[in-house]
Amino acid sequence: MARLVLIQAALFLAPFALYALYLVWSRRSMPAPDNWHPLAALALAGLILMAGGFVALGFLDQSATVGTYHPAELRDGVLMPGHIE
């Protein structure tokens, strides 16, 4: 779960990091508060990357289970763990 959160956070923050590197490299300053169009575009780009990350993880995740889950049960006083058949 932590891996998923970290991947999605990195995808969201990537456009902001690239923009910060661009500002440092070009020696420009942060835009004035009345001109925040770049930040809105960066947030939108981050959200699009996050959505793409969720879609990619859904298709590429190898931990998908195939079969029927049988929950844990109590047999003759012994707890049998749940399993997938």
Foldseek 3Di string as FASTA:
>chain_A
DVVLVVVLVCLLCVLVVVVVVVCVVVVHDDDDPVPCVVVVVSNVSSVVSSVVVVVCCVVPPPPDDDADKDAWDADPNDIDHIDGD
